[in-house]
C-alpha atoms as a PDB file:
ATOM      1  CA  LEU A   1       0.000   0.000   0.000  1.00  0.00           C
ATOM      2  CA  ASP A   2       2.829   2.394   0.682  1.00  0.00           C
ATOM      3  CA  LEU A   3       3.886   2.652  -2.952  1.00  0.00           C
ATOM      4  CA  PHE A   4       0.481   3.860  -4.136  1.00  0.00           C
ATOM      5  CA  THR A   5      -0.161   7.556  -4.529  1.00  0.00           C
ATOM      6  CA  ASN A   6      -2.459   8.998  -1.849  1.00  0.00           C
ATOM      7  CA  GLN A   7      -5.388   8.903  -4.269  1.00  0.00           C
ATOM      8  CA  GLU A   8      -4.673   5.295  -5.335  1.00  0.00           C
ATOM      9  CA  LEU A   9      -4.347   4.303  -1.667  1.00  0.00           C
ATOM     10  CA  LYS A  10      -7.828   5.614  -0.891  1.00  0.00           C
ATOM     11  CA  ILE A  11      -9.246   3.806  -3.942  1.00  0.00           C
ATOM     12  CA  GLN A  12      -7.730   0.507  -2.758  1.00  0.00           C
ATOM     13  CA  ILE A  13      -9.018   1.015   0.776  1.00  0.00           C
ATOM     14  CA  LYS A  14     -12.503   1.724  -0.566  1.00  0.00           C
ATOM     15  CA  LYS A  15     -12.373  -1.598  -2.467  1.00  0.00           C
ATOM     16  CA  MET A  16     -11.431  -3.468   0.732  1.00  0.00           C
ATOM     17  CA  GLY A  17     -14.558  -2.448   2.653  1.00  0.00           C
ATOM     18  CA  PRO A  18     -17.115  -4.555   0.757  1.00  0.00           C
ATOM     19  CA  ILE A  19     -14.804  -7.578   0.700  1.00  0.00           C
ATOM     20  CA  LEU A  20     -14.408  -7.762   4.486  1.00  0.00           C
ATOM     21  CA  ASN A  21     -16.879  -9.516   6.748  1.00  0.00           C
ATOM     22  CA  ALA A  22     -18.591  -7.530   9.487  1.00  0.00           C
ATOM     23  CA  ASN A  23     -15.920  -6.407  11.953  1.00  0.00           C
ATOM     24  CA  GLY A  24     -13.221  -7.516   9.503  1.00  0.00           C
ATOM     25  CA  LYS A  25      -9.703  -6.284  10.232  1.00  0.00           C
ATOM     26  CA  ILE A  26      -6.814  -4.999   8.155  1.00  0.00           C
ATOM     27  CA  VAL A  27      -3.290  -4.999   9.589  1.00  0.00           C
ATOM     28  CA  VAL A  28      -0.772  -2.480   8.254  1.00  0.00           C
ATOM     29  CA  ILE A  29       2.888  -2.833   9.227  1.00  0.00           C
ATOM     30  CA  ASP A  30       5.386  -0.294   7.974  1.00  0.00           C
ATOM     31  CA  PHE A  31       8.153   2.034   9.044  1.00  0.00           C
ATOM     32  CA  ALA A  32       7.015   4.286  11.875  1.00  0.00           C
ATOM     33  CA  THR A  33       6.022   7.847  11.148  1.00  0.00           C
ATOM     34  CA  SER A  34       5.813   9.059  14.729  1.00  0.00           C
ATOM     35  CA  LYS A  35       7.567  12.132  16.060  1.00  0.00           C
ATOM     36  CA  ASN A  36       9.830   9.756  17.995  1.00  0.00           C
ATOM     37  CA  THR A  37      11.663   8.570  14.885  1.00  0.00           C
ATOM     38  CA  SER A  38      15.087  10.070  14.317  1.00  0.00           C
ATOM     39  CA  PHE A  39      16.147  12.367  11.506  1.00  0.00           C
ATOM     40  CA  ILE A  40      18.413   9.612  10.177  1.00  0.00           C
ATOM     41  CA  HIS A  41      15.540   7.095  10.209  1.00  0.00           C
ATOM     42  CA  LYS A  42      13.352   9.485   8.203  1.00  0.00           C
ATOM     43  CA  ARG A  43      16.127  10.103   5.664  1.00  0.00           C
ATOM     44  CA  LEU A  44      16.822   6.377   5.259  1.00  0.00           C
ATOM     45  CA  VAL A  45      13.135   5.742   4.571  1.00  0.00           C
ATOM     46  CA  GLY A  46      13.185   8.552   1.993  1.00  0.00           C
ATOM     47  CA  ILE A  47      16.191   6.996   0.253  1.00  0.00           C
ATOM     48  CA  LEU A  48      14.483   3.590   0.291  1.00  0.00           C
ATOM     49  CA  TYR A  49      11.361   4.995  -1.349  1.00  0.00           C
ATOM     50  CA  LEU A  50      13.450   6.891  -3.884  1.00  0.00           C
ATOM     51  CA  SER A  51      15.162   3.613  -4.821  1.00  0.00           C
ATOM     52  CA  PHE A  52      11.731   2.120  -5.656  1.00  0.00           C
ATOM     53  CA  TYR A  53      11.011   4.851  -8.208  1.00  0.00           C
ATOM     54  CA  PRO A  54      12.605   3.124 -11.240  1.00  0.00           C
ATOM     55  CA  ILE A  55      10.338   0.126 -10.652  1.00  0.00           C
ATOM     56  CA  THR A  56       7.085   1.729  -9.513  1.00  0.00           C
ATOM     57  CA  ARG A  57       7.256   5.184 -11.130  1.00  0.00           C
ATOM     58  CA  THR A  58       5.648   6.500  -7.947  1.00  0.00           C
ATOM     59  CA  LEU A  59       7.597   9.381  -6.475  1.00  0.00           C
ATOM     60  CA  ARG A  60       7.023   9.113  -2.741  1.00  0.00           C
ATOM     61  CA  LEU A  61       9.544  10.176  -0.136  1.00  0.00           C
ATOM     62  CA  THR A  62       7.434   9.655   2.977  1.00  0.00           C
ATOM     63  CA  ILE A  63       5.237   6.957   4.459  1.00  0.00           C
ATOM     64  CA  PRO A  64       1.553   7.465   3.646  1.00  0.00           C
ATOM     65  CA  ASP A  65      -0.731   8.656   6.408  1.00  0.00           C
ATOM     66  CA  PHE A  66      -2.485   5.313   6.778  1.00  0.00           C
ATOM     67  CA  LYS A  67      -4.539   6.505   9.745  1.00  0.00           C
ATOM     68  CA  SER A  68      -6.179   9.341   7.849  1.00  0.00           C
ATOM     69  CA  ALA A  69      -6.673   7.248   4.729  1.00  0.00           C
ATOM     70  CA  PHE A  70      -8.411   4.383   6.534  1.00  0.00           C
ATOM     71  CA  LEU A  71     -10.421   6.617   8.872  1.00  0.00           C
ATOM     72  CA  SER A  72     -11.682   8.668   5.915  1.00  0.00           C
ATOM     73  CA  LYS A  73     -13.040   5.464   4.350  1.00  0.00           C
ATOM     74  CA  GLY A  74     -15.041   4.417   7.404  1.00  0.00           C
ATOM     75  CA  PHE A  75     -12.582   2.191   9.248  1.00  0.00           C
ATOM     76  CA  VAL A  76     -11.817   2.431  12.966  1.00  0.00           C
ATOM     77  CA  LEU A  77      -8.289   2.265  14.397  1.00  0.00           C
ATOM     78  CA  SER A  78      -8.485  -0.599  16.890  1.00  0.00           C
ATOM     79  CA  SER A  79      -4.783  -1.011  17.688  1.00  0.00           C
ATOM     80  CA  GLU A  80      -1.526   0.880  17.248  1.00  0.00           C
ATOM     81  CA  ASN A  81       1.858  -0.433  18.388  1.00  0.00           C
ATOM     82  CA  PHE A  82       5.493   0.473  17.840  1.00  0.00           C
ATOM     83  CA  HIS A  83       8.281  -2.077  17.514  1.00  0.00           C
ATOM     84  CA  PHE A  84      12.088  -2.262  17.475  1.00  0.00           C
ATOM     85  CA  ARG A  85      12.937   1.036  19.144  1.00  0.00           C
ATOM     86  CA  ASN A  86       9.947   2.795  17.539  1.00  0.00           C
ATOM     87  CA  GLN A  87      11.221   2.183  14.020  1.00  0.00           C
ATOM     88  CA  TYR A  88       8.272   0.039  12.916  1.00  0.00           C
ATOM     89  CA  GLN A  89       4.589   0.542  13.471  1.00  0.00           C
ATOM     90  CA  SER A  90       1.640  -1.828  13.310  1.00  0.00           C
ATOM     91  CA  LEU A  91      -1.879  -0.519  12.863  1.00  0.00           C
ATOM     92  CA  VAL A  92      -5.066  -2.592  12.995  1.00  0.00           C
ATOM     93  CA  PHE A  93      -8.146  -1.120  11.363  1.00  0.00           C
ATOM     94  CA  THR A  94     -11.618  -2.580  11.869  1.00  0.00           C
ATOM     95  CA  LYS A  95     -14.478  -2.233   9.445  1.00  0.00           C
ATOM     96  CA  LYS A  96     -17.370  -0.217  10.857  1.00  0.00           C
ATOM     97  CA  ASN A  97     -20.722  -1.938  10.725  1.00  0.00           C
END
């Protein structure tokens, strides 16, 4: 999901809703985007995304705002955790009934 443009991400999320059962869940695990991440961590993620450009042709230098994207499509954030010294983040979104 992180290599889609913001608009494509919202389109994909919208498609997920009807496929899920009632109270279905989607787990997103990616690099953390919290304020606790270091400057170096943010730059390394930017370089990683830049290296994907020749393959994906999607110019993205930051992690998408998954929270806003899922919440705007009617999902509820049911869990948020950080892992490995706050470098990775897991988000669980639940489909609203």
